[in-house]
């Protein structure tokens, strides 16, 4: 497989570090979260101006752990598929005994170009 196109799921997941620990829940206007293994109140929504934007912000914060899990699962799947496409491109190349080199086929070039376009 071409090393240029190979990316491990761990490499993609490494870019997704830094999410807020969960689970987070909203109960009675207070956001509760996980801190050092304990469920503790983190934000009292009554302190914020009640508008649609702040409610959406709180819902997004509460969803952070689930969003992180989904993003890491998708990152792993993307890495797996990219590696498959790279392997397919490599399998389409052929060795020429006349030149002593591996020659790219038009199809393998197309696959590699697609990998480059979607980095």
Protein backbone atom coordinates (compact mmCIF):
# COMPACT_ATOMS: atom_id res chain seq x y z
CA UNK A 1 0.00 0.00 0.00
CA UNK A 2 1.24 3.51 -0.72
CA UNK A 3 2.48 5.08 2.48
CA UNK A 4 1.43 8.53 1.22
CA UNK A 5 -2.25 7.58 1.33
CA UNK A 6 -2.20 5.48 4.48
CA UNK A 7 -3.78 7.00 7.57
CA UNK A 8 -4.59 4.97 10.62
CA UNK A 9 -7.87 5.30 12.51
CA UNK A 10 -5.78 6.28 15.52
CA UNK A 11 -4.28 9.17 13.52
CA UNK A 12 -7.70 10.50 12.62
CA UNK A 13 -9.04 10.02 16.14
CA UNK A 14 -6.02 11.83 17.58
CA UNK A 15 -7.24 14.98 15.81
CA UNK A 16 -10.55 14.75 17.66
CA UNK A 17 -9.19 15.03 21.20
CA UNK A 18 -10.46 17.66 23.61
CA UNK A 19 -14.18 16.96 23.94
CA UNK A 20 -16.07 17.63 27.15
CA UNK A 21 -16.48 14.56 29.32
CA UNK A 22 -19.98 13.25 29.65
CA UNK A 23 -22.62 12.19 29.94
CA UNK A 24 -24.12 15.67 30.27
CA UNK A 25 -27.78 16.14 31.05
CA UNK A 26 -30.06 19.11 31.50
CA UNK A 27 -32.36 18.79 34.51
CA UNK A 28 -34.41 21.62 35.98
CA UNK A 29 -32.38 24.33 34.24
CA UNK A 30 -29.04 22.95 35.42
CA UNK A 31 -26.52 21.11 33.27
CA UNK A 32 -24.94 18.18 35.07
CA UNK A 33 -21.73 16.56 33.90
CA UNK A 34 -19.02 14.13 34.86
CA UNK A 35 -16.10 15.50 36.82
CA UNK A 36 -13.57 13.10 38.34
CA UNK A 37 -16.12 10.28 38.16
CA UNK A 38 -18.90 12.20 39.94
CA UNK A 39 -22.04 13.74 38.48
CA UNK A 40 -21.90 17.40 39.44
CA UNK A 41 -23.84 20.51 38.45
CA UNK A 42 -21.78 22.46 35.92
CA UNK A 43 -23.94 25.31 34.64
CA UNK A 44 -27.06 26.94 35.97
CA UNK A 45 -29.00 28.07 32.92
CA UNK A 46 -30.84 30.68 34.98
CA UNK A 47 -27.59 32.68 35.02
CA UNK A 48 -27.74 33.07 31.27
CA UNK A 49 -30.03 35.25 29.27
CA UNK A 50 -32.76 32.93 28.18
CA UNK A 51 -32.83 32.96 24.43
CA UNK A 52 -32.88 30.37 21.73
CA UNK A 53 -29.13 30.64 21.11
CA UNK A 54 -28.14 29.84 24.72
CA UNK A 55 -30.51 26.86 24.78
CA UNK A 56 -28.94 25.50 21.58
CA UNK A 57 -25.45 26.07 23.03
CA UNK A 58 -26.39 24.07 26.13
CA UNK A 59 -27.88 21.27 24.06
CA UNK A 60 -24.70 21.13 21.97
CA UNK A 61 -22.55 20.98 25.10
CA UNK A 62 -24.72 18.20 26.48
CA UNK A 63 -24.38 16.26 23.21
CA UNK A 64 -20.56 16.58 23.07
CA UNK A 65 -19.75 13.03 24.27
CA UNK A 66 -22.17 11.45 21.80
CA UNK A 67 -20.92 13.68 18.98
CA UNK A 68 -17.34 12.72 19.82
CA UNK A 69 -18.20 9.00 19.79
CA UNK A 70 -19.93 9.32 16.42
CA UNK A 71 -17.10 11.40 14.97
CA UNK A 72 -14.44 8.90 16.07
CA UNK A 73 -16.43 5.98 14.66
CA UNK A 74 -16.79 7.81 11.35
CA UNK A 75 -13.10 8.76 11.35
CA UNK A 76 -12.14 5.12 11.77
CA UNK A 77 -14.45 4.10 8.93
CA UNK A 78 -13.09 6.83 6.65
CA UNK A 79 -9.52 5.70 7.37
CA UNK A 80 -10.47 2.08 6.62
CA UNK A 81 -12.09 3.03 3.30
CA UNK A 82 -9.17 5.30 2.30
CA UNK A 83 -6.77 2.43 2.94
CA UNK A 84 -8.93 0.09 0.85
CA UNK A 85 -8.94 2.55 -2.07
CA UNK A 86 -5.17 2.90 -1.77
CA UNK A 87 -4.75 -0.89 -1.81
CA UNK A 88 -7.03 -1.10 -4.85
CA UNK A 89 -4.93 1.51 -6.65
CA UNK A 90 -1.76 -0.43 -5.84
CA UNK A 91 -3.29 -3.66 -7.13
CA UNK A 92 -4.08 -2.01 -10.47
CA UNK A 93 -0.46 -1.01 -11.08
CA UNK A 94 1.71 -3.49 -12.92
CA UNK A 95 5.40 -4.29 -13.07
CA UNK A 96 7.06 -3.90 -16.45
CA UNK A 97 9.98 -6.28 -16.95
CA UNK A 98 11.10 -4.13 -19.91
CA UNK A 99 11.66 -1.02 -17.81
CA UNK A 100 12.11 -2.67 -14.41
CA UNK A 101 9.54 -0.28 -12.91
CA UNK A 102 6.01 -0.37 -11.64
CA UNK A 103 3.70 1.46 -14.01
CA UNK A 104 0.54 3.23 -12.91
CA UNK A 105 -2.61 2.53 -14.84
CA UNK A 106 -5.11 5.29 -15.64
CA UNK A 107 -7.53 3.76 -13.14
CA UNK A 108 -4.97 3.64 -10.33
CA UNK A 109 -4.09 7.29 -11.05
CA UNK A 110 -7.79 8.17 -10.79
CA UNK A 111 -8.06 6.40 -7.42
CA UNK A 112 -4.97 8.18 -6.10
CA UNK A 113 -6.24 11.53 -7.36
CA UNK A 114 -9.53 10.93 -5.53
CA UNK A 115 -7.61 10.23 -2.32
CA UNK A 116 -5.66 13.46 -2.71
CA UNK A 117 -8.82 15.51 -3.42
CA UNK A 118 -10.48 14.33 -0.21
CA UNK A 119 -7.73 14.90 2.35
